[in-house]
PDB file of N, CA and C in Angstrom:
ATOM      1  N   MET A   1     -55.171  23.577 -34.846  1.00  0.00           N
ATOM      2  CA  MET A   1     -53.824  23.032 -34.786  1.00  0.00           C
ATOM      3  C   MET A   1     -53.735  21.695 -35.525  1.00  0.00           C
ATOM      4  N   ILE A   2     -54.739  20.850 -35.360  1.00  0.00           N
ATOM      5  CA  ILE A   2     -54.695  19.544 -36.018  1.00  0.00           C
ATOM      6  C   ILE A   2     -54.729  19.699 -37.542  1.00  0.00           C
ATOM      7  N   GLU A   3     -55.499  20.698 -38.030  1.00  0.00           N
ATOM      8  CA  GLU A   3     -55.562  20.938 -39.472  1.00  0.00           C
ATOM      9  C   GLU A   3     -54.199  21.349 -40.004  1.00  0.00           C
ATOM     10  N   LYS A   4     -53.497  22.201 -39.230  1.00  0.00           N
ATOM     11  CA  LYS A   4     -52.162  22.636 -39.648  1.00  0.00           C
ATOM     12  C   LYS A   4     -51.209  21.447 -39.682  1.00  0.00           C
ATOM     13  N   THR A   5     -51.293  20.592 -38.676  1.00  0.00           N
ATOM     14  CA  THR A   5     -50.422  19.418 -38.627  1.00  0.00           C
ATOM     15  C   THR A   5     -50.677  18.510 -39.829  1.00  0.00           C
ATOM     16  N   ILE A   6     -51.920  18.285 -40.149  1.00  0.00           N
ATOM     17  CA  ILE A   6     -52.270  17.449 -41.302  1.00  0.00           C
ATOM     18  C   ILE A   6     -51.751  18.089 -42.583  1.00  0.00           C
ATOM     19  N   ARG A   7     -51.967  19.403 -42.722  1.00  0.00           N
ATOM     20  CA  ARG A   7     -51.491  20.108 -43.922  1.00  0.00           C
ATOM     21  C   ARG A   7     -49.969  20.017 -44.046  1.00  0.00           C
ATOM     22  N   MET A   8     -49.260  20.256 -42.946  1.00  0.00           N
ATOM     23  CA  MET A   8     -47.797  20.205 -42.988  1.00  0.00           C
ATOM     24  C   MET A   8     -47.316  18.794 -43.320  1.00  0.00           C
ATOM     25  N   ASN A   9     -47.962  17.789 -42.756  1.00  0.00           N
ATOM     26  CA  ASN A   9     -47.593  16.406 -43.093  1.00  0.00           C
ATOM     27  C   ASN A   9     -47.798  16.146 -44.577  1.00  0.00           C
ATOM     28  N   ASN A  10     -48.911  16.622 -45.124  1.00  0.00           N
ATOM     29  CA  ASN A  10     -49.186  16.433 -46.551  1.00  0.00           C
ATOM     30  C   ASN A  10     -48.175  17.176 -47.422  1.00  0.00           C
ATOM     31  N   LEU A  11     -47.922  18.431 -47.086  1.00  0.00           N
ATOM     32  CA  LEU A  11     -46.947  19.201 -47.864  1.00  0.00           C
ATOM     33  C   LEU A  11     -45.560  18.573 -47.753  1.00  0.00           C
ATOM     34  N   TYR A  12     -45.229  18.121 -46.560  1.00  0.00           N
ATOM     35  CA  TYR A  12     -43.939  17.459 -46.360  1.00  0.00           C
ATOM     36  C   TYR A  12     -43.839  16.213 -47.244  1.00  0.00           C
ATOM     37  N   ASP A  13     -44.900  15.431 -47.340  1.00  0.00           N
ATOM     38  CA  ASP A  13     -44.897  14.249 -48.206  1.00  0.00           C
ATOM     39  C   ASP A  13     -44.586  14.618 -49.659  1.00  0.00           C
ATOM     40  N   PHE A  14     -45.153  15.718 -50.114  1.00  0.00           N
ATOM     41  CA  PHE A  14     -44.961  16.117 -51.511  1.00  0.00           C
ATOM     42  C   PHE A  14     -43.605  16.751 -51.778  1.00  0.00           C
ATOM     43  N   TYR A  15     -43.087  17.519 -50.833  1.00  0.00           N
ATOM     44  CA  TYR A  15     -41.919  18.353 -51.108  1.00  0.00           C
ATOM     45  C   TYR A  15     -40.677  18.023 -50.297  1.00  0.00           C
ATOM     46  N   GLN A  16     -40.672  16.942 -49.541  1.00  0.00           N
ATOM     47  CA  GLN A  16     -39.538  16.649 -48.679  1.00  0.00           C
ATOM     48  C   GLN A  16     -38.228  16.510 -49.445  1.00  0.00           C
ATOM     49  N   SER A  17     -38.281  16.048 -50.668  1.00  0.00           N
ATOM     50  CA  SER A  17     -37.048  15.880 -51.446  1.00  0.00           C
ATOM     51  C   SER A  17     -36.412  17.224 -51.809  1.00  0.00           C
ATOM     52  N   LEU A  18     -37.148  18.318 -51.643  1.00  0.00           N
ATOM     53  CA  LEU A  18     -36.613  19.640 -51.938  1.00  0.00           C
ATOM     54  C   LEU A  18     -35.982  20.306 -50.707  1.00  0.00           C
ATOM     55  N   LEU A  19     -36.079  19.650 -49.569  1.00  0.00           N
ATOM     56  CA  LEU A  19     -35.565  20.214 -48.323  1.00  0.00           C
ATOM     57  C   LEU A  19     -34.147  19.721 -48.041  1.00  0.00           C
ATOM     58  N   THR A  20     -33.437  20.466 -47.198  1.00  0.00           N
ATOM     59  CA  THR A  20     -32.113  20.042 -46.774  1.00  0.00           C
ATOM     60  C   THR A  20     -32.240  18.878 -45.799  1.00  0.00           C
ATOM     61  N   ILE A  21     -31.144  18.220 -45.537  1.00  0.00           N
ATOM     62  CA  ILE A  21     -31.140  17.100 -44.592  1.00  0.00           C
ATOM     63  C   ILE A  21     -31.610  17.568 -43.215  1.00  0.00           C
ATOM     64  N   LYS A  22     -31.112  18.698 -42.764  1.00  0.00           N
ATOM     65  CA  LYS A  22     -31.487  19.224 -41.451  1.00  0.00           C
ATOM     66  C   LYS A  22     -32.974  19.568 -41.400  1.00  0.00           C
ATOM     67  N   GLN A  23     -33.479  20.219 -42.449  1.00  0.00           N
ATOM     68  CA  GLN A  23     -34.903  20.547 -42.508  1.00  0.00           C
ATOM     69  C   GLN A  23     -35.737  19.269 -42.466  1.00  0.00           C
ATOM     70  N   ASN A  24     -35.312  18.268 -43.214  1.00  0.00           N
ATOM     71  CA  ASN A  24     -36.009  16.982 -43.221  1.00  0.00           C
ATOM     72  C   ASN A  24     -36.038  16.357 -41.835  1.00  0.00           C
ATOM     73  N   HIS A  25     -34.900  16.353 -41.168  1.00  0.00           N
ATOM     74  CA  HIS A  25     -34.840  15.756 -39.830  1.00  0.00           C
ATOM     75  C   HIS A  25     -35.751  16.486 -38.859  1.00  0.00           C
ATOM     76  N   TYR A  26     -35.663  17.807 -38.822  1.00  0.00           N
ATOM     77  CA  TYR A  26     -36.481  18.590 -37.897  1.00  0.00           C
ATOM     78  C   TYR A  26     -37.972  18.385 -38.163  1.00  0.00           C
ATOM     79  N   MET A  27     -38.364  18.439 -39.434  1.00  0.00           N
ATOM     80  CA  MET A  27     -39.784  18.290 -39.779  1.00  0.00           C
ATOM     81  C   MET A  27     -40.285  16.886 -39.446  1.00  0.00           C
ATOM     82  N   ALA A  28     -39.490  15.882 -39.743  1.00  0.00           N
ATOM     83  CA  ALA A  28     -39.891  14.506 -39.456  1.00  0.00           C
ATOM     84  C   ALA A  28     -40.018  14.298 -37.949  1.00  0.00           C
ATOM     85  N   MET A  29     -39.060  14.802 -37.218  1.00  0.00           N
ATOM     86  CA  MET A  29     -39.104  14.634 -35.765  1.00  0.00           C
ATOM     87  C   MET A  29     -40.305  15.372 -35.172  1.00  0.00           C
ATOM     88  N   TYR A  30     -40.537  16.589 -35.631  1.00  0.00           N
ATOM     89  CA  TYR A  30     -41.589  17.424 -35.056  1.00  0.00           C
ATOM     90  C   TYR A  30     -42.984  16.967 -35.484  1.00  0.00           C
ATOM     91  N   TYR A  31     -43.170  16.766 -36.779  1.00  0.00           N
ATOM     92  CA  TYR A  31     -44.514  16.470 -37.290  1.00  0.00           C
ATOM     93  C   TYR A  31     -44.843  14.978 -37.359  1.00  0.00           C
ATOM     94  N   LEU A  32     -43.889  14.164 -37.738  1.00  0.00           N
ATOM     95  CA  LEU A  32     -44.188  12.741 -37.900  1.00  0.00           C
ATOM     96  C   LEU A  32     -43.981  11.952 -36.605  1.00  0.00           C
ATOM     97  N   ASP A  33     -42.897  12.280 -35.895  1.00  0.00           N
ATOM     98  CA  ASP A  33     -42.562  11.527 -34.685  1.00  0.00           C
ATOM     99  C   ASP A  33     -43.062  12.195 -33.405  1.00  0.00           C
ATOM    100  N   ASP A  34     -43.622  13.398 -33.537  1.00  0.00           N
ATOM    101  CA  ASP A  34     -44.226  14.127 -32.421  1.00  0.00           C
ATOM    102  C   ASP A  34     -43.236  14.468 -31.302  1.00  0.00           C
ATOM    103  N   TRP A  35     -42.016  14.829 -31.704  1.00  0.00           N
ATOM    104  CA  TRP A  35     -41.037  15.282 -30.727  1.00  0.00           C
ATOM    105  C   TRP A  35     -41.334  16.739 -30.380  1.00  0.00           C
ATOM    106  N   SER A  36     -41.013  17.130 -29.177  1.00  0.00           N
ATOM    107  CA  SER A  36     -41.163  18.534 -28.775  1.00  0.00           C
ATOM    108  C   SER A  36     -39.965  19.320 -29.302  1.00  0.00           C
ATOM    109  N   LEU A  37     -40.106  20.644 -29.312  1.00  0.00           N
ATOM    110  CA  LEU A  37     -38.990  21.497 -29.724  1.00  0.00           C
ATOM    111  C   LEU A  37     -37.782  21.265 -28.821  1.00  0.00           C
ATOM    112  N   GLY A  38     -38.044  21.119 -27.532  1.00  0.00           N
ATOM    113  CA  GLY A  38     -36.965  20.883 -26.577  1.00  0.00           C
ATOM    114  C   GLY A  38     -36.232  19.576 -26.824  1.00  0.00           C
ATOM    115  N   GLU A  39     -36.974  18.539 -27.158  1.00  0.00           N
ATOM    116  CA  GLU A  39     -36.356  17.238 -27.436  1.00  0.00           C
ATOM    117  C   GLU A  39     -35.480  17.298 -28.687  1.00  0.00           C
ATOM    118  N   ILE A  40     -35.972  17.979 -29.708  1.00  0.00           N
ATOM    119  CA  ILE A  40     -35.186  18.123 -30.940  1.00  0.00           C
ATOM    120  C   ILE A  40     -33.938  18.939 -30.646  1.00  0.00           C
ATOM    121  N   ALA A  41     -34.095  20.030 -29.904  1.00  0.00           N
ATOM    122  CA  ALA A  41     -32.965  20.898 -29.555  1.00  0.00           C
ATOM    123  C   ALA A  41     -31.898  20.116 -28.797  1.00  0.00           C
ATOM    124  N   GLU A  42     -32.335  19.325 -27.861  1.00  0.00           N
ATOM    125  CA  GLU A  42     -31.395  18.523 -27.070  1.00  0.00           C
ATOM    126  C   GLU A  42     -30.660  17.519 -27.952  1.00  0.00           C
ATOM    127  N   SER A  43     -31.390  16.895 -28.853  1.00  0.00           N
ATOM    128  CA  SER A  43     -30.807  15.901 -29.749  1.00  0.00           C
ATOM    129  C   SER A  43     -29.738  16.514 -30.658  1.00  0.00           C
ATOM    130  N   TYR A  44     -29.961  17.749 -31.090  1.00  0.00           N
ATOM    131  CA  TYR A  44     -29.034  18.421 -32.014  1.00  0.00           C
ATOM    132  C   TYR A  44     -28.082  19.386 -31.312  1.00  0.00           C
ATOM    133  N   HIS A  45     -28.194  19.493 -30.003  1.00  0.00           N
ATOM    134  CA  HIS A  45     -27.330  20.382 -29.213  1.00  0.00           C
ATOM    135  C   HIS A  45     -27.418  21.827 -29.698  1.00  0.00           C
ATOM    136  N   VAL A  46     -28.651  22.271 -29.911  1.00  0.00           N
ATOM    137  CA  VAL A  46     -28.926  23.656 -30.295  1.00  0.00           C
ATOM    138  C   VAL A  46     -30.026  24.180 -29.375  1.00  0.00           C
ATOM    139  N   SER A  47     -30.304  25.472 -29.501  1.00  0.00           N
ATOM    140  CA  SER A  47     -31.350  26.044 -28.657  1.00  0.00           C
ATOM    141  C   SER A  47     -32.733  25.668 -29.182  1.00  0.00           C
ATOM    142  N   ARG A  48     -33.680  25.713 -28.291  1.00  0.00           N
ATOM    143  CA  ARG A  48     -35.078  25.480 -28.653  1.00  0.00           C
ATOM    144  C   ARG A  48     -35.513  26.508 -29.693  1.00  0.00           C
ATOM    145  N   GLN A  49     -35.056  27.752 -29.523  1.00  0.00           N
ATOM    146  CA  GLN A  49     -35.393  28.825 -30.464  1.00  0.00           C
ATOM    147  C   GLN A  49     -34.846  28.530 -31.859  1.00  0.00           C
ATOM    148  N   ALA A  50     -33.663  27.951 -31.942  1.00  0.00           N
ATOM    149  CA  ALA A  50     -33.078  27.608 -33.246  1.00  0.00           C
ATOM    150  C   ALA A  50     -33.939  26.563 -33.957  1.00  0.00           C
ATOM    151  N   VAL A  51     -34.412  25.596 -33.213  1.00  0.00           N
ATOM    152  CA  VAL A  51     -35.287  24.561 -33.795  1.00  0.00           C
ATOM    153  C   VAL A  51     -36.593  25.198 -34.250  1.00  0.00           C
ATOM    154  N   TYR A  52     -37.177  26.017 -33.385  1.00  0.00           N
ATOM    155  CA  TYR A  52     -38.433  26.697 -33.710  1.00  0.00           C
ATOM    156  C   TYR A  52     -38.283  27.524 -34.990  1.00  0.00           C
ATOM    157  N   ASP A  53     -37.221  28.315 -35.060  1.00  0.00           N
ATOM    158  CA  ASP A  53     -36.990  29.160 -36.240  1.00  0.00           C
ATOM    159  C   ASP A  53     -36.834  28.317 -37.498  1.00  0.00           C
ATOM    160  N   ASN A  54     -36.094  27.221 -37.395  1.00  0.00           N
ATOM    161  CA  ASN A  54     -35.889  26.352 -38.555  1.00  0.00           C
ATOM    162  C   ASN A  54     -37.205  25.744 -39.017  1.00  0.00           C
ATOM    163  N   ILE A  55     -38.011  25.277 -38.075  1.00  0.00           N
ATOM    164  CA  ILE A  55     -39.295  24.669 -38.431  1.00  0.00           C
ATOM    165  C   ILE A  55     -40.221  25.713 -39.060  1.00  0.00           C
ATOM    166  N   LYS A  56     -40.277  26.909 -38.502  1.00  0.00           N
ATOM    167  CA  LYS A  56     -41.135  27.968 -39.064  1.00  0.00           C
ATOM    168  C   LYS A  56     -40.692  28.340 -40.473  1.00  0.00           C
ATOM    169  N   ARG A  57     -39.385  28.461 -40.693  1.00  0.00           N
ATOM    170  CA  ARG A  57     -38.882  28.767 -42.042  1.00  0.00           C
ATOM    171  C   ARG A  57     -39.211  27.637 -43.012  1.00  0.00           C
ATOM    172  N   THR A  58     -39.088  26.411 -42.543  1.00  0.00           N
ATOM    173  CA  THR A  58     -39.377  25.253 -43.402  1.00  0.00           C
ATOM    174  C   THR A  58     -40.864  25.178 -43.725  1.00  0.00           C
ATOM    175  N   GLU A  59     -41.716  25.469 -42.757  1.00  0.00           N
ATOM    176  CA  GLU A  59     -43.159  25.504 -43.022  1.00  0.00           C
ATOM    177  C   GLU A  59     -43.475  26.542 -44.098  1.00  0.00           C
ATOM    178  N   ALA A  60     -42.861  27.721 -43.971  1.00  0.00           N
ATOM    179  CA  ALA A  60     -43.084  28.776 -44.966  1.00  0.00           C
ATOM    180  C   ALA A  60     -42.576  28.341 -46.337  1.00  0.00           C
ATOM    181  N   LEU A  61     -41.457  27.645 -46.351  1.00  0.00           N
ATOM    182  CA  LEU A  61     -40.896  27.155 -47.608  1.00  0.00           C
ATOM    183  C   LEU A  61     -41.824  26.121 -48.255  1.00  0.00           C
ATOM    184  N   LEU A  62     -42.382  25.218 -47.448  1.00  0.00           N
ATOM    185  CA  LEU A  62     -43.324  24.233 -47.978  1.00  0.00           C
ATOM    186  C   LEU A  62     -44.559  24.909 -48.567  1.00  0.00           C
ATOM    187  N   GLU A  63     -45.054  25.933 -47.889  1.00  0.00           N
ATOM    188  CA  GLU A  63     -46.208  26.691 -48.416  1.00  0.00           C
ATOM    189  C   GLU A  63     -45.837  27.391 -49.717  1.00  0.00           C
ATOM    190  N   GLU A  64     -44.622  27.906 -49.786  1.00  0.00           N
ATOM    191  CA  GLU A  64     -44.157  28.573 -51.014  1.00  0.00           C
ATOM    192  C   GLU A  64     -44.077  27.571 -52.170  1.00  0.00           C
ATOM    193  N   TYR A  65     -43.550  26.389 -51.904  1.00  0.00           N
ATOM    194  CA  TYR A  65     -43.504  25.351 -52.937  1.00  0.00           C
ATOM    195  C   TYR A  65     -44.916  25.020 -53.421  1.00  0.00           C
ATOM    196  N   GLU A  66     -45.842  24.896 -52.472  1.00  0.00           N
ATOM    197  CA  GLU A  66     -47.226  24.569 -52.846  1.00  0.00           C
ATOM    198  C   GLU A  66     -47.846  25.701 -53.667  1.00  0.00           C
ATOM    199  N   ASP A  67     -47.581  26.953 -53.286  1.00  0.00           N
ATOM    200  CA  ASP A  67     -48.106  28.087 -54.051  1.00  0.00           C
ATOM    201  C   ASP A  67     -47.626  28.058 -55.497  1.00  0.00           C
ATOM    202  N   LYS A  68     -46.386  27.615 -55.700  1.00  0.00           N
ATOM    203  CA  LYS A  68     -45.812  27.604 -57.044  1.00  0.00           C
ATOM    204  C   LYS A  68     -46.158  26.342 -57.831  1.00  0.00           C
ATOM    205  N   LEU A  69     -46.174  25.200 -57.165  1.00  0.00           N
ATOM    206  CA  LEU A  69     -46.318  23.928 -57.868  1.00  0.00           C
ATOM    207  C   LEU A  69     -47.708  23.297 -57.768  1.00  0.00           C
ATOM    208  N   ASN A  70     -48.441  23.597 -56.721  1.00  0.00           N
ATOM    209  CA  ASN A  70     -49.813  23.098 -56.519  1.00  0.00           C
ATOM    210  C   ASN A  70     -49.962  21.588 -56.571  1.00  0.00           C
ATOM    211  N   LEU A  71     -48.947  20.859 -56.169  1.00  0.00           N
ATOM    212  CA  LEU A  71     -49.034  19.401 -56.209  1.00  0.00           C
ATOM    213  C   LEU A  71     -50.086  18.865 -55.238  1.00  0.00           C
ATOM    214  N   HIS A  72     -50.125  19.417 -54.055  1.00  0.00           N
ATOM    215  CA  HIS A  72     -51.095  18.953 -53.060  1.00  0.00           C
ATOM    216  C   HIS A  72     -52.521  19.310 -53.480  1.00  0.00           C
ATOM    217  N   ALA A  73     -52.727  20.523 -53.948  1.00  0.00           N
ATOM    218  CA  ALA A  73     -54.066  20.950 -54.370  1.00  0.00           C
ATOM    219  C   ALA A  73     -54.575  20.081 -55.521  1.00  0.00           C
ATOM    220  N   ARG A  74     -53.715  19.812 -56.489  1.00  0.00           N
ATOM    221  CA  ARG A  74     -54.132  18.972 -57.616  1.00  0.00           C
ATOM    222  C   ARG A  74     -54.401  17.544 -57.161  1.00  0.00           C
ATOM    223  N   PHE A  75     -53.607  17.046 -56.201  1.00  0.00           N
ATOM    224  CA  PHE A  75     -53.846  15.720 -55.643  1.00  0.00           C
ATOM    225  C   PHE A  75     -55.234  15.660 -55.007  1.00  0.00           C
ATOM    226  N   GLU A  76     -55.581  16.666 -54.208  1.00  0.00           N
ATOM    227  CA  GLU A  76     -56.896  16.694 -53.566  1.00  0.00           C
ATOM    228  C   GLU A  76     -58.015  16.774 -54.597  1.00  0.00           C
ATOM    229  N   GLN A  77     -57.824  17.554 -55.652  1.00  0.00           N
ATOM    230  CA  GLN A  77     -58.836  17.650 -56.709  1.00  0.00           C
ATOM    231  C   GLN A  77     -59.013  16.296 -57.390  1.00  0.00           C
ATOM    232  N   ARG A  78     -57.890  15.622 -57.670  1.00  0.00           N
ATOM    233  CA  ARG A  78     -57.981  14.292 -58.287  1.00  0.00           C
ATOM    234  C   ARG A  78     -58.740  13.333 -57.400  1.00  0.00           C
ATOM    235  N   GLN A  79     -58.459  13.359 -56.105  1.00  0.00           N
ATOM    236  CA  GLN A  79     -59.142  12.474 -55.168  1.00  0.00           C
ATOM    237  C   GLN A  79     -60.649  12.745 -55.164  1.00  0.00           C
ATOM    238  N   THR A  80     -61.028  14.019 -55.247  1.00  0.00           N
ATOM    239  CA  THR A  80     -62.441  14.395 -55.292  1.00  0.00           C
ATOM    240  C   THR A  80     -63.098  13.845 -56.550  1.00  0.00           C
ATOM    241  N   TYR A  81     -62.451  14.016 -57.692  1.00  0.00           N
ATOM    242  CA  TYR A  81     -63.011  13.506 -58.947  1.00  0.00           C
ATOM    243  C   TYR A  81     -63.087  11.983 -58.951  1.00  0.00           C
ATOM    244  N   ILE A  82     -62.098  11.326 -58.392  1.00  0.00           N
ATOM    245  CA  ILE A  82     -62.116   9.862 -58.336  1.00  0.00           C
ATOM    246  C   ILE A  82     -63.281   9.384 -57.464  1.00  0.00           C
ATOM    247  N   SER A  83     -63.510  10.059 -56.351  1.00  0.00           N
ATOM    248  CA  SER A  83     -64.657   9.712 -55.491  1.00  0.00           C
ATOM    249  C   SER A  83     -65.973   9.903 -56.236  1.00  0.00           C
ATOM    250  N   ARG A  84     -66.076  11.016 -56.963  1.00  0.00           N
ATOM    251  CA  ARG A  84     -67.293  11.267 -57.750  1.00  0.00           C
ATOM    252  C   ARG A  84     -67.483  10.193 -58.809  1.00  0.00           C
ATOM    253  N   LEU A  85     -66.385   9.797 -59.423  1.00  0.00           N
ATOM    254  CA  LEU A  85     -66.455   8.770 -60.458  1.00  0.00           C
ATOM    255  C   LEU A  85     -66.932   7.440 -59.866  1.00  0.00           C
ATOM    256  N   ARG A  86     -66.398   7.072 -58.720  1.00  0.00           N
ATOM    257  CA  ARG A  86     -66.837   5.833 -58.058  1.00  0.00           C
ATOM    258  C   ARG A  86     -68.325   5.889 -57.722  1.00  0.00           C
ATOM    259  N   GLU A  87     -68.755   7.013 -57.164  1.00  0.00           N
ATOM    260  CA  GLU A  87     -70.169   7.174 -56.816  1.00  0.00           C
ATOM    261  C   GLU A  87     -71.045   7.090 -58.053  1.00  0.00           C
ATOM    262  N   SER A  88     -70.600   7.740 -59.117  1.00  0.00           N
ATOM    263  CA  SER A  88     -71.380   7.729 -60.358  1.00  0.00           C
ATOM    264  C   SER A  88     -71.487   6.327 -60.932  1.00  0.00           C
ATOM    265  N   ILE A  89     -70.425   5.563 -60.849  1.00  0.00           N
ATOM    266  CA  ILE A  89     -70.454   4.186 -61.344  1.00  0.00           C
ATOM    267  C   ILE A  89     -71.404   3.345 -60.493  1.00  0.00           C
ATOM    268  N   GLN A  90     -71.307   3.499 -59.160  1.00  0.00           N
ATOM    269  CA  GLN A  90     -72.180   2.739 -58.270  1.00  0.00           C
ATOM    270  C   GLN A  90     -73.649   3.091 -58.480  1.00  0.00           C
ATOM    271  N   GLN A  91     -73.915   4.344 -58.798  1.00  0.00           N
ATOM    272  CA  GLN A  91     -75.292   4.783 -59.011  1.00  0.00           C
ATOM    273  C   GLN A  91     -75.731   4.581 -60.460  1.00  0.00           C
ATOM    274  N   LYS A  92     -74.849   3.985 -61.241  1.00  0.00           N
ATOM    275  CA  LYS A  92     -75.136   3.676 -62.642  1.00  0.00           C
ATOM    276  C   LYS A  92     -75.625   4.903 -63.411  1.00  0.00           C
ATOM    277  N   GLU A  93     -74.873   5.990 -63.214  1.00  0.00           N
ATOM    278  CA  GLU A  93     -75.212   7.221 -63.931  1.00  0.00           C
ATOM    279  C   GLU A  93     -74.877   7.061 -65.408  1.00  0.00           C
ATOM    280  N   SER A  94     -75.320   8.013 -66.186  1.00  0.00           N
ATOM    281  CA  SER A  94     -75.165   7.934 -67.638  1.00  0.00           C
ATOM    282  C   SER A  94     -73.690   7.974 -68.042  1.00  0.00           C
ATOM    283  N   PRO A  95     -73.386   7.346 -69.158  1.00  0.00           N
ATOM    284  CA  PRO A  95     -72.012   7.393 -69.670  1.00  0.00           C
ATOM    285  C   PRO A  95     -71.526   8.832 -69.896  1.00  0.00           C
ATOM    286  N   ASP A  96     -72.437   9.715 -70.262  1.00  0.00           N
ATOM    287  CA  ASP A  96     -72.061  11.120 -70.460  1.00  0.00           C
ATOM    288  C   ASP A  96     -71.518  11.734 -69.177  1.00  0.00           C
ATOM    289  N   ARG A  97     -72.156  11.403 -68.052  1.00  0.00           N
ATOM    290  CA  ARG A  97     -71.704  11.918 -66.755  1.00  0.00           C
ATOM    291  C   ARG A  97     -70.325  11.363 -66.416  1.00  0.00           C
ATOM    292  N   LEU A  98     -70.108  10.078 -66.673  1.00  0.00           N
ATOM    293  CA  LEU A  98     -68.807   9.461 -66.412  1.00  0.00           C
ATOM    294  C   LEU A  98     -67.716  10.094 -67.275  1.00  0.00           C
ATOM    295  N   ILE A  99     -68.032  10.318 -68.526  1.00  0.00           N
ATOM    296  CA  ILE A  99     -67.081  10.960 -69.440  1.00  0.00           C
ATOM    297  C   ILE A  99     -66.748  12.368 -68.958  1.00  0.00           C
ATOM    298  N   GLN A 100     -67.741  13.080 -68.485  1.00  0.00           N
ATOM    299  CA  GLN A 100     -67.548  14.432 -67.975  1.00  0.00           C
ATOM    300  C   GLN A 100     -66.557  14.442 -66.794  1.00  0.00           C
ATOM    301  N   ILE A 101     -66.702  13.496 -65.909  1.00  0.00           N
ATOM    302  CA  ILE A 101     -65.803  13.412 -64.754  1.00  0.00           C
ATOM    303  C   ILE A 101     -64.390  13.049 -65.207  1.00  0.00           C
ATOM    304  N   VAL A 102     -64.281  12.096 -66.114  1.00  0.00           N
ATOM    305  CA  VAL A 102     -62.962  11.704 -66.627  1.00  0.00           C
ATOM    306  C   VAL A 102     -62.287  12.880 -67.327  1.00  0.00           C
ATOM    307  N   GLU A 103     -63.039  13.640 -68.085  1.00  0.00           N
ATOM    308  CA  GLU A 103     -62.483  14.819 -68.760  1.00  0.00           C
ATOM    309  C   GLU A 103     -61.998  15.843 -67.734  1.00  0.00           C
ATOM    310  N   SER A 104     -62.712  15.994 -66.649  1.00  0.00           N
ATOM    311  CA  SER A 104     -62.277  16.901 -65.579  1.00  0.00           C
ATOM    312  C   SER A 104     -60.962  16.420 -64.977  1.00  0.00           C
ATOM    313  N   LEU A 105     -60.841  15.125 -64.810  1.00  0.00           N
ATOM    314  CA  LEU A 105     -59.587  14.557 -64.306  1.00  0.00           C
ATOM    315  C   LEU A 105     -58.440  14.825 -65.265  1.00  0.00           C
ATOM    316  N   GLU A 106     -58.682  14.656 -66.541  1.00  0.00           N
ATOM    317  CA  GLU A 106     -57.645  14.866 -67.553  1.00  0.00           C
ATOM    318  C   GLU A 106     -57.162  16.313 -67.582  1.00  0.00           C
ATOM    319  N   LYS A 107     -58.038  17.245 -67.299  1.00  0.00           N
ATOM    320  CA  LYS A 107     -57.672  18.664 -67.316  1.00  0.00           C
ATOM    321  C   LYS A 107     -56.719  19.030 -66.186  1.00  0.00           C
ATOM    322  N   LEU A 108     -56.696  18.227 -65.138  1.00  0.00           N
ATOM    323  CA  LEU A 108     -55.816  18.505 -64.002  1.00  0.00           C
ATOM    324  C   LEU A 108     -54.355  18.230 -64.328  1.00  0.00           C
ATOM    325  N   GLU A 109     -54.101  17.415 -65.301  1.00  0.00           N
ATOM    326  CA  GLU A 109     -52.713  17.039 -65.613  1.00  0.00           C
ATOM    327  C   GLU A 109     -51.968  18.142 -66.294  1.00  0.00           C
TER     328      GLU A 109
END
């Protein structure tokens, strides 16, 4: 469950501007502010099931955006290469190795 929450928060960070105002509110309340479905439902004067359905559809939409755009996956790859680059610099690896990592980073763009 915690992995899903982290993933949804990350996807939400990347794609929130593509969501409707209502989707944004529900996702922010549920994932960022840790509101329960019942609390969100009460706040919006709708059923708990309506909130649940909206959140599930929005989660699926965020996954669909990621499948098409891969912004989160590329971000994670960049972070991995940057970490490798830092380690390589600290370990004073050869310039060829540093160039190799930088070239890998450039290919992600």
